[in-house]
Amino acid sequence: MAYFTAGDKPEEFIALAWVLEEGSRRFYSEIPALVDDDEVKRLFQRLTTAEEHHKAALVRLYRTFSGQEPGQDFPGSVVDISPIDDVMEGGMRVSEALEWVKDKSFEAVFELAIALETNAFDLYIRMSRNMKDDKSRQVFDQLSREEKKHLELLAGLFEKKY
């Protein structure tokens, strides 16, 4: 939740969430190159696409709440992203996560992805509960529902494979 303490308005929360979604997209997009299993590759490609959809949904929410188009430098035009531009959902640095997965079993990589999605789901639920206005709550409610779907996808394939 530390990343969201910098935000006061729905637009700022949206921008911060966009940064975390982009971090997760970057992480998930690298995983298929590390595995041989086609089903696992497809899942992580699907998660990559889902994160892209989340970012697009956040941009739409930004338009709705701000009444403005996000600039070319969104989300940096809304919040200072320099301290968190390498962070993904779950609060882990993308660069550290990608380095960590290089020498791990794919079971461990799956467990990490599930932990990251669980943390994101929990974060977005807590953020929703802590928001004072309905618009901000809507943003985090939508994100938590999406993270729950990711968890279900990951858990389903994990149970099937391991």
Protein backbone atom coordinates (compact mmCIF):
# COMPACT_ATOMS: atom_id res chain seq x y z
CA MET A 1 0.00 0.00 0.00
CA ALA A 2 3.01 2.28 0.34
CA TYR A 3 2.87 3.15 -3.36
CA PHE A 4 -0.66 4.43 -3.01
CA THR A 5 0.00 6.77 -0.13
CA ALA A 6 1.35 9.19 -2.73
CA GLY A 7 -2.12 9.46 -4.29
CA ASP A 8 -4.97 11.64 -3.12
CA LYS A 9 -7.31 11.61 -6.08
CA PRO A 10 -8.75 8.77 -8.18
CA GLU A 11 -6.59 9.90 -11.11
CA GLU A 12 -3.44 9.45 -9.03
CA PHE A 13 -4.51 6.02 -7.81
CA ILE A 14 -5.25 5.04 -11.39
CA ALA A 15 -1.81 6.19 -12.51
CA LEU A 16 -0.09 4.29 -9.71
CA ALA A 17 -2.08 1.14 -10.49
CA TRP A 18 -1.12 1.54 -14.17
CA VAL A 19 2.57 1.46 -13.18
CA LEU A 20 2.10 -1.78 -11.22
CA GLU A 21 0.12 -3.34 -14.07
CA GLU A 22 2.87 -2.40 -16.54
CA GLY A 23 5.45 -3.98 -14.26
CA SER A 24 3.46 -7.21 -14.14
CA ARG A 25 3.03 -7.12 -17.92
CA ARG A 26 6.80 -6.82 -18.35
CA PHE A 27 7.38 -9.72 -15.97
CA TYR A 28 4.79 -12.02 -17.53
CA SER A 29 5.98 -11.23 -21.05
CA GLU A 30 9.44 -12.65 -20.26
CA ILE A 31 8.29 -15.97 -18.78
CA PRO A 32 7.27 -17.77 -22.02
CA ALA A 33 10.86 -17.60 -23.27
CA LEU A 34 12.00 -19.43 -20.13
CA VAL A 35 9.76 -22.50 -20.41
CA ASP A 36 9.22 -25.38 -22.82
CA ASP A 37 5.65 -26.23 -21.84
CA ASP A 38 3.24 -24.80 -24.46
CA GLU A 39 0.30 -24.67 -22.06
CA VAL A 40 2.33 -22.71 -19.52
CA LYS A 41 3.60 -20.40 -22.28
CA ARG A 42 0.02 -19.72 -23.38
CA LEU A 43 -1.06 -18.93 -19.83
CA PHE A 44 1.69 -16.37 -19.34
CA GLN A 45 1.00 -14.89 -22.77
CA ARG A 46 -2.64 -14.62 -21.73
CA LEU A 47 -1.63 -12.92 -18.48
CA THR A 48 0.56 -10.51 -20.45
CA THR A 49 -2.42 -9.63 -22.63
CA ALA A 50 -4.64 -9.29 -19.57
CA GLU A 51 -2.22 -6.80 -18.03
CA GLU A 52 -2.34 -4.81 -21.27
CA HIS A 53 -6.14 -4.82 -21.02
CA HIS A 54 -5.93 -3.67 -17.40
CA LYS A 55 -3.74 -0.77 -18.45
CA ALA A 56 -6.23 0.15 -21.18
CA ALA A 57 -9.09 -0.06 -18.66
CA LEU A 58 -7.16 2.19 -16.30
CA VAL A 59 -6.67 4.72 -19.10
CA ARG A 60 -10.43 4.66 -19.74
CA LEU A 61 -11.06 5.15 -16.02
CA TYR A 62 -8.60 8.01 -16.02
CA ARG A 63 -10.56 9.69 -18.84
CA THR A 64 -13.81 9.14 -16.95
CA PHE A 65 -12.59 10.51 -13.65
CA SER A 66 -10.41 13.35 -14.92
CA GLY A 67 -12.39 14.36 -17.99
CA GLN A 68 -9.06 14.57 -19.82
CA GLU A 69 -6.98 12.51 -22.19
CA PRO A 70 -3.88 11.05 -20.59
CA GLY A 71 -0.79 12.70 -21.99
CA GLN A 72 2.02 11.02 -23.91
CA ASP A 73 3.93 10.69 -20.64
CA PHE A 74 1.07 9.09 -18.70
CA PRO A 75 1.30 8.03 -15.90
CA GLY A 76 4.32 10.25 -15.23
CA SER A 77 2.22 13.32 -16.00
CA VAL A 78 -0.04 12.42 -13.06
CA VAL A 79 2.36 11.00 -10.45
CA ASP A 80 6.10 10.76 -10.00
CA ILE A 81 6.84 7.23 -11.18
CA SER A 82 10.63 7.37 -10.97
CA PRO A 83 10.85 5.55 -7.65
CA ILE A 84 8.44 2.82 -8.77
CA ASP A 85 8.93 2.43 -12.52
CA ASP A 86 10.50 -1.02 -11.99
CA VAL A 87 7.83 -2.31 -9.57
CA MET A 88 5.03 -4.73 -10.34
CA GLU A 89 1.94 -5.94 -8.55
CA GLY A 90 2.92 -7.54 -5.31
CA GLY A 91 5.54 -4.83 -4.71
CA MET A 92 8.49 -6.72 -6.18
CA ARG A 93 10.94 -5.12 -8.57
CA VAL A 94 10.54 -6.50 -12.09
CA SER A 95 14.29 -6.65 -12.64
CA GLU A 96 14.82 -8.62 -9.41
CA ALA A 97 11.96 -11.01 -10.18
CA LEU A 98 13.30 -11.71 -13.68
CA GLU A 99 16.77 -12.34 -12.31
CA TRP A 100 15.37 -14.63 -9.60
CA VAL A 101 13.36 -16.82 -12.01
CA LYS A 102 16.36 -17.61 -14.23
CA ASP A 103 17.65 -20.42 -12.04
CA LYS A 104 14.39 -21.60 -10.48
CA SER A 105 12.13 -24.51 -11.30
CA PHE A 106 8.98 -23.59 -13.09
CA GLU A 107 7.02 -24.75 -10.07
CA ALA A 108 8.79 -22.03 -8.07
CA VAL A 109 8.06 -19.46 -10.80
CA PHE A 110 4.39 -20.43 -10.68
CA GLU A 111 4.40 -20.07 -6.91
CA LEU A 112 5.94 -16.60 -7.24
CA ALA A 113 3.32 -15.54 -9.80
CA ILE A 114 0.54 -16.80 -7.53
CA ALA A 115 2.04 -14.93 -4.57
CA LEU A 116 2.33 -11.72 -6.60
CA GLU A 117 -1.27 -11.98 -7.80
CA THR A 118 -2.46 -12.77 -4.26
CA ASN A 119 -0.65 -9.70 -2.95
CA ALA A 120 -2.16 -7.56 -5.73
CA PHE A 121 -5.65 -8.92 -5.04
CA ASP A 122 -5.22 -8.18 -1.33
CA LEU A 123 -3.80 -4.71 -2.00
CA TYR A 124 -6.65 -3.70 -4.27
CA ILE A 125 -9.26 -4.96 -1.79
CA ARG A 126 -7.61 -3.02 1.04
CA MET A 127 -7.30 0.08 -1.11
CA SER A 128 -10.99 -0.14 -2.01
CA ARG A 129 -11.93 -0.33 1.64
CA ASN A 130 -9.70 2.63 2.50
CA MET A 131 -10.97 4.96 -0.22
CA LYS A 132 -13.17 7.79 0.95
CA ASP A 133 -14.92 8.40 -2.34
CA ASP A 134 -16.95 6.05 -4.52
CA LYS A 135 -14.93 6.75 -7.67
CA SER A 136 -11.70 5.59 -6.09
CA ARG A 137 -13.42 2.54 -4.62
CA GLN A 138 -14.70 1.63 -8.09
CA VAL A 139 -11.17 1.66 -9.48
CA PHE A 140 -9.87 -0.75 -6.87
CA ASP A 141 -12.98 -2.95 -6.91
CA GLN A 142 -12.51 -3.46 -10.65
CA LEU A 143 -8.81 -4.22 -10.22
CA SER A 144 -9.44 -6.71 -7.42
CA ARG A 145 -11.97 -8.60 -9.55
CA GLU A 146 -9.43 -8.84 -12.36
CA GLU A 147 -6.67 -10.04 -10.02
CA LYS A 148 -9.01 -12.72 -8.70
CA LYS A 149 -9.45 -13.99 -12.26
CA HIS A 150 -5.66 -14.14 -12.66
CA LEU A 151 -5.36 -16.12 -9.45
CA GLU A 152 -7.97 -18.59 -10.65
CA LEU A 153 -6.12 -19.08 -13.96
CA LEU A 154 -2.76 -19.58 -12.27
CA ALA A 155 -4.12 -21.85 -9.54
CA GLY A 156 -6.03 -23.96 -12.05
CA LEU A 157 -3.00 -24.66 -14.23
CA PHE A 158 -0.72 -25.05 -11.22
CA GLU A 159 -3.00 -27.74 -9.79
CA LYS A 160 -3.15 -29.46 -13.16
CA LYS A 161 0.63 -29.44 -13.64
CA TYR A 162 1.91 -29.93 -10.11
